Protein backbone atom coordinates (compact mmCIF):
# COMPACT_ATOMS: atom_id res chain seq x y z
CA UNK A 1 107.47 102.71 57.48
CA UNK A 2 103.82 102.87 56.35
CA UNK A 3 102.36 104.48 53.36
CA UNK A 4 100.45 107.66 54.07
CA UNK A 5 97.21 108.18 52.05
CA UNK A 6 97.34 109.76 49.17
CA UNK A 7 95.24 113.72 50.24
CA UNK A 8 91.86 113.85 47.95
CA UNK A 9 92.98 116.72 45.06
CA UNK A 10 90.90 119.93 45.54
CA UNK A 11 87.81 119.72 43.74
CA UNK A 12 87.48 121.88 40.58
CA UNK A 13 86.48 125.22 41.45
CA UNK A 14 82.51 125.56 40.51
CA UNK A 15 79.93 127.93 41.84
CA UNK A 16 76.37 126.73 41.09
CA UNK A 17 73.94 129.17 39.60
CA UNK A 18 71.30 129.79 41.83
CA UNK A 19 67.16 129.30 41.21
CA UNK A 20 66.67 132.74 39.47
CA UNK A 21 69.35 132.15 37.40
CA UNK A 22 68.79 128.42 36.44
CA UNK A 23 64.93 129.01 36.17
CA UNK A 24 64.53 132.32 35.16
CA UNK A 25 67.86 134.36 33.73
CA UNK A 26 69.24 131.60 31.64
CA UNK A 27 66.03 130.73 30.09
CA UNK A 28 64.95 134.34 29.11
CA UNK A 29 68.64 135.04 27.56
CA UNK A 30 68.07 131.70 25.78
CA UNK A 31 65.08 131.97 24.51
CA UNK A 32 65.90 135.51 23.32
CA UNK A 33 68.96 133.91 21.89
CA UNK A 34 66.97 131.34 20.26
CA UNK A 35 64.87 134.12 18.70
CA UNK A 36 67.74 135.68 17.19
CA UNK A 37 68.40 138.37 19.93
CA UNK A 38 71.93 138.42 21.23
CA UNK A 39 71.78 140.19 24.37
CA UNK A 40 75.15 141.82 24.87
CA UNK A 41 76.69 139.34 23.24
CA UNK A 42 75.13 135.94 24.19
CA UNK A 43 75.07 132.87 22.28
CA UNK A 44 73.53 129.38 22.98
CA UNK A 45 76.73 127.19 23.80
CA UNK A 46 75.51 123.57 22.16
CA UNK A 47 77.90 120.59 22.98
CA UNK A 48 77.72 117.32 22.78
CA UNK A 49 77.26 115.56 26.57
CA UNK A 50 80.28 113.78 27.46
CA UNK A 51 78.12 111.02 29.15
CA UNK A 52 74.76 110.98 27.29
CA UNK A 53 76.32 112.23 24.01
CA UNK A 54 72.86 114.31 23.83
CA UNK A 55 73.18 118.25 22.80
CA UNK A 56 73.64 120.23 25.90
CA UNK A 57 73.02 123.80 26.02
CA UNK A 58 73.65 126.91 28.01
CA UNK A 59 73.63 130.77 27.51
CA UNK A 60 77.55 132.09 27.09
CA UNK A 61 78.77 135.48 26.67
CA UNK A 62 80.85 135.41 23.69
CA UNK A 63 83.91 137.69 23.91
CA UNK A 64 85.42 139.29 20.87
CA UNK A 65 88.75 141.04 21.89
CA UNK A 66 92.05 141.85 20.28
CA UNK A 67 90.99 140.09 16.92
CA UNK A 68 90.16 136.85 18.51
CA UNK A 69 86.68 135.50 20.22
CA UNK A 70 86.80 133.74 23.51
CA UNK A 71 84.34 131.41 26.00
CA UNK A 72 84.92 132.06 29.84
CA UNK A 73 83.63 130.38 32.17
CA UNK A 74 83.13 132.83 35.20
CA UNK A 75 81.73 129.90 37.38
CA UNK A 76 84.10 127.69 36.63
CA UNK A 77 84.49 124.45 35.88
CA UNK A 78 80.94 123.70 35.13
CA UNK A 79 79.53 121.17 32.98
CA UNK A 80 79.70 123.07 29.39
CA UNK A 81 83.57 123.50 30.47
CA UNK A 82 83.67 119.43 30.82
CA UNK A 83 81.72 118.33 27.68
CA UNK A 84 84.05 120.85 25.73
CA UNK A 85 87.06 119.51 26.80
CA UNK A 86 85.79 115.95 26.58
CA UNK A 87 84.61 116.46 23.14
CA UNK A 88 88.19 118.06 21.92
CA UNK A 89 86.60 121.42 21.72
CA UNK A 90 84.36 121.19 19.45
CA UNK A 91 81.02 123.07 20.23
CA UNK A 92 78.30 125.31 17.93
CA UNK A 93 77.13 128.67 18.84
CA UNK A 94 73.74 129.88 17.73
CA UNK A 95 72.02 132.86 17.71
CA UNK A 96 68.41 132.26 16.47
CA UNK A 97 68.72 129.86 13.15
CA UNK A 98 72.27 130.68 12.61
CA UNK A 99 74.72 127.76 13.62
CA UNK A 100 78.68 128.38 13.89
CA UNK A 101 80.38 125.41 14.59
CA UNK A 102 83.74 126.10 16.42
CA UNK A 103 86.72 123.95 17.87
CA UNK A 104 88.25 125.87 20.98
CA UNK A 105 91.38 126.06 22.34
CA UNK A 106 91.52 126.41 26.23
CA UNK A 107 93.62 128.94 27.15
CA UNK A 108 96.68 128.44 29.49
CA UNK A 109 96.75 130.06 33.02
CA UNK A 110 99.59 132.56 31.77
CA UNK A 111 97.31 133.63 28.36
CA UNK A 112 94.29 134.41 30.29
CA UNK A 113 95.32 137.74 32.17
CA UNK A 114 94.10 140.05 28.94
CA UNK A 115 91.58 138.04 28.25
CA UNK A 116 90.31 137.77 32.11
CA UNK A 117 90.54 141.79 32.29
CA UNK A 118 88.54 142.70 29.30
CA UNK A 119 85.72 139.92 29.96
CA UNK A 120 85.28 141.40 33.29
CA UNK A 121 85.41 144.97 31.95
CA UNK A 122 82.67 144.24 29.88
CA UNK A 123 80.43 141.97 32.18
CA UNK A 124 81.37 142.82 35.66
CA UNK A 125 78.20 143.69 36.96
CA UNK A 126 76.79 140.49 35.37
CA UNK A 127 79.59 138.05 36.91
CA UNK A 128 81.82 140.11 38.97
CA UNK A 129 80.92 138.35 42.14
CA UNK A 130 82.46 134.91 40.87
CA UNK A 131 86.04 136.65 40.64
CA UNK A 132 86.71 137.10 44.11
CA UNK A 133 87.18 140.84 44.20
CA UNK A 134 89.22 141.06 41.13
CA UNK A 135 88.09 143.39 38.61
CA UNK A 136 89.36 145.08 35.27
CA UNK A 137 91.08 147.63 37.42
CA UNK A 138 92.92 145.05 39.24
CA UNK A 139 96.54 144.35 39.15
CA UNK A 140 98.07 141.15 36.58
CA UNK A 141 99.39 139.35 39.51
CA UNK A 142 95.70 139.49 41.37
CA UNK A 143 94.18 138.36 37.94
CA UNK A 144 96.83 135.77 37.46
CA UNK A 145 96.30 134.39 41.07
CA UNK A 146 92.26 133.59 40.13
CA UNK A 147 93.05 132.32 36.58
CA UNK A 148 93.45 129.02 37.52
CA UNK A 149 89.78 129.14 38.78
CA UNK A 150 88.28 130.59 35.67
CA UNK A 151 88.72 128.31 32.10
CA UNK A 152 88.51 130.26 28.96
CA UNK A 153 89.01 128.82 25.53
CA UNK A 154 90.21 131.13 22.03
CA UNK A 155 87.63 129.93 19.08
CA UNK A 156 88.27 129.34 15.39
CA UNK A 157 85.57 128.19 13.17
CA UNK A 158 85.61 124.67 12.23
CA UNK A 159 86.81 123.80 8.11
């Protein structure tokens, strides 16, 4: 009897941004947010890089829903998600000179359905392409099926 090799684990789901998003759209939203202008709830997320320890910044959409604030990664397990996980959920949200220090708790897939539904309701035009045809009007089962591909965090201010 020979040992069978373990098949490689599936790589984490992630859709990298294209040139326009990286070099124009993100820079524009980040610049406006830096000036204190929030575009549809935009913030600049700042988190410590898990390898370098240096601050990393990326524009995000802050979702306020049902009395809580959430961050959802439409593109999947990107660098900011990995950095937030590596730093125990610690992050800062910036708008202009305002800095909000946060501790984020990652939601379990079962908790994500209402959050993803609301996220899609608000930003489907901007991020819908990353959700494989699922929309705010999709069934709970359809949203639950794509939930593992989209990390989501509930936010609480640090004491």
